[in-house]
Amino acid sequence: MRLKKARAPIHVIIGMGSQQRPAGGSWGWKPGTRLLAAAPRTDLKSMGVDPDMFWQNLNVSVEAVKGANTTQEMMKAQPKRQTEVVNVADRNNYSLTTSYIDVISGAYGKFTPEAKQLRRLRSQLHRPIAPPKQA
């Protein structure tokens, strides 16, 4: 009795050993990994399976995942950049407002009731608004 030549296990043929779990949580392929080994490809072709078509489809799929991931990362970075823009604008607005209050307060006179009211208003800037008290 003659023994047949053993075929490569399926995980070698489709590259299951090269999988990694990305931070997003879904299974993906490492970039640049060859999924189909050269020797089993001839075996697959002789059985009527086209591994080249699989390889092309997997390349398209991997590129789609990379594109979607890049878009997602850009979307995550946008709120951080926008927060910086808002903080700068808020700081500029605060500086202008307090400067104008100081000028108007000085115009009324430092110890006038109007200036006292404006200083109270100025001291409340950038403080959180207290919720209304329940009766």
Protein backbone atom coordinates (compact mmCIF):
# COMPACT_ATOMS: atom_id res chain seq x y z
CA MET A 1 0.00 0.00 0.00
CA ARG A 2 1.37 3.33 -1.06
CA LEU A 3 0.88 6.44 1.15
CA LYS A 4 -0.35 9.65 -0.43
CA LYS A 5 1.64 12.82 -0.02
CA ALA A 6 0.12 14.80 2.85
CA ARG A 7 -1.40 18.11 1.90
CA ALA A 8 -0.72 21.21 3.89
CA PRO A 9 -3.30 21.82 6.61
CA ILE A 10 -6.04 24.33 5.80
CA HIS A 11 -4.73 26.94 8.24
CA VAL A 12 -1.48 27.11 6.25
CA ILE A 13 -3.33 27.41 2.95
CA ILE A 14 -5.51 30.33 3.97
CA GLY A 15 -3.07 31.87 6.42
CA MET A 16 -5.04 31.54 9.65
CA GLY A 17 -1.76 31.54 11.56
CA SER A 18 -1.11 35.10 10.41
CA GLN A 19 -4.25 36.60 11.90
CA GLN A 20 -4.11 39.28 14.54
CA ARG A 21 -6.79 40.89 16.63
CA PRO A 22 -6.72 44.66 16.07
CA ALA A 23 -7.63 47.23 18.70
CA GLY A 24 -11.10 47.65 17.17
CA GLY A 25 -12.01 44.13 18.23
CA SER A 26 -12.65 42.38 14.91
CA TRP A 27 -10.33 39.86 13.29
CA GLY A 28 -8.16 41.12 10.48
CA TRP A 29 -5.13 40.21 8.43
CA LYS A 30 -1.69 41.67 9.02
CA PRO A 31 -0.74 43.96 6.13
CA GLY A 32 1.55 42.33 3.58
CA THR A 33 0.85 38.77 4.76
CA ARG A 34 0.71 36.19 2.01
CA LEU A 35 -2.46 34.26 2.70
CA LEU A 36 -2.01 31.47 0.21
CA ALA A 37 1.17 29.39 0.23
CA ALA A 38 2.75 28.54 -3.14
CA ALA A 39 2.71 24.73 -2.84
CA PRO A 40 -0.94 24.28 -1.79
CA ARG A 41 -2.07 26.72 -4.53
CA THR A 42 -1.18 24.17 -7.18
CA ASP A 43 -3.15 21.55 -5.26
CA LEU A 44 -6.13 23.87 -5.08
CA LYS A 45 -5.91 24.64 -8.80
CA SER A 46 -5.85 20.94 -9.60
CA MET A 47 -9.06 20.58 -7.54
CA GLY A 48 -10.76 23.34 -9.53
CA VAL A 49 -10.37 26.12 -6.94
CA ASP A 50 -8.94 29.47 -8.03
CA PRO A 51 -6.73 30.76 -5.17
CA ASP A 52 -5.67 33.78 -7.27
CA MET A 53 -9.27 34.99 -7.30
CA PHE A 54 -9.39 34.56 -3.51
CA TRP A 55 -6.15 36.54 -3.20
CA GLN A 56 -7.46 39.39 -5.36
CA ASN A 57 -10.73 39.56 -3.42
CA LEU A 58 -8.90 39.50 -0.10
CA ASN A 59 -6.61 42.34 -1.24
CA VAL A 60 -9.63 44.45 -2.17
CA SER A 61 -11.25 43.62 1.17
CA VAL A 62 -8.10 44.48 3.14
CA GLU A 63 -7.80 47.82 1.33
CA ALA A 64 -11.45 48.58 2.14
CA VAL A 65 -10.82 47.84 5.82
CA LYS A 66 -7.68 50.01 5.85
CA GLY A 67 -9.59 52.87 4.21
CA ALA A 68 -12.46 52.59 6.69
CA ASN A 69 -10.01 52.46 9.60
CA THR A 70 -8.17 55.56 8.35
CA THR A 71 -11.47 57.41 8.07
CA GLN A 72 -12.45 56.32 11.57
CA GLU A 73 -9.13 57.48 13.02
CA MET A 74 -9.51 60.86 11.30
CA MET A 75 -13.03 61.16 12.73
CA LYS A 76 -11.68 60.46 16.22
CA ALA A 77 -8.97 63.09 15.83
CA GLN A 78 -11.39 65.78 14.60
CA PRO A 79 -13.18 66.29 17.97
CA LYS A 80 -9.80 66.71 19.69
CA ARG A 81 -8.74 69.37 17.20
CA GLN A 82 -12.15 71.05 17.49
CA THR A 83 -11.84 71.12 21.29
CA GLU A 84 -8.55 73.00 20.94
CA VAL A 85 -10.18 75.49 18.55
CA VAL A 86 -13.10 76.02 20.96
CA ASN A 87 -10.73 76.50 23.92
CA VAL A 88 -8.70 79.14 22.07
CA ALA A 89 -11.85 80.96 20.93
CA ASP A 90 -13.29 80.81 24.47
CA ARG A 91 -10.07 82.22 25.95
CA ASN A 92 -10.07 85.07 23.41
CA ASN A 93 -13.73 85.80 24.15
CA TYR A 94 -13.03 85.83 27.89
CA SER A 95 -10.13 88.27 27.44
CA LEU A 96 -12.19 90.63 25.30
CA THR A 97 -15.20 90.51 27.63
CA THR A 98 -13.21 91.17 30.80
CA SER A 99 -11.26 93.97 29.10
CA TYR A 100 -14.47 95.67 27.96
CA ILE A 101 -16.01 95.30 31.44
CA ASP A 102 -12.88 96.87 32.96
CA VAL A 103 -13.01 99.80 30.52
CA ILE A 104 -16.72 100.44 31.16
CA SER A 105 -16.24 100.07 34.92
CA GLY A 106 -13.42 102.62 34.79
CA ALA A 107 -15.58 104.99 32.79
CA TYR A 108 -18.26 104.91 35.51
CA GLY A 109 -15.65 105.42 38.23
CA LYS A 110 -14.05 102.72 40.36
CA PHE A 111 -16.26 103.14 43.45
CA THR A 112 -19.63 103.81 41.81
CA PRO A 113 -22.53 101.37 42.24
CA GLU A 114 -22.44 100.66 38.48
CA ALA A 115 -18.75 99.71 38.60
CA LYS A 116 -19.40 97.49 41.63
CA GLN A 117 -22.16 95.71 39.69
CA LEU A 118 -19.85 95.23 36.70
CA ARG A 119 -17.08 93.79 38.93
CA ARG A 120 -19.59 91.26 40.29
CA LEU A 121 -20.57 90.34 36.76
CA ARG A 122 -16.90 89.98 35.79
CA SER A 123 -16.17 87.72 38.77
CA GLN A 124 -18.90 85.32 37.64
CA LEU A 125 -17.42 84.74 34.19
CA HIS A 126 -16.13 81.20 33.63
CA ARG A 127 -17.92 79.90 36.71
CA PRO A 128 -20.37 77.06 36.21
CA ILE A 129 -23.99 78.15 36.28
CA ALA A 130 -25.60 76.92 39.48
CA PRO A 131 -28.87 75.04 39.04
CA PRO A 132 -31.93 76.84 40.35
CA LYS A 133 -32.67 76.18 44.01
CA GLN A 134 -35.70 74.05 44.70
CA ALA A 135 -38.25 75.56 47.09
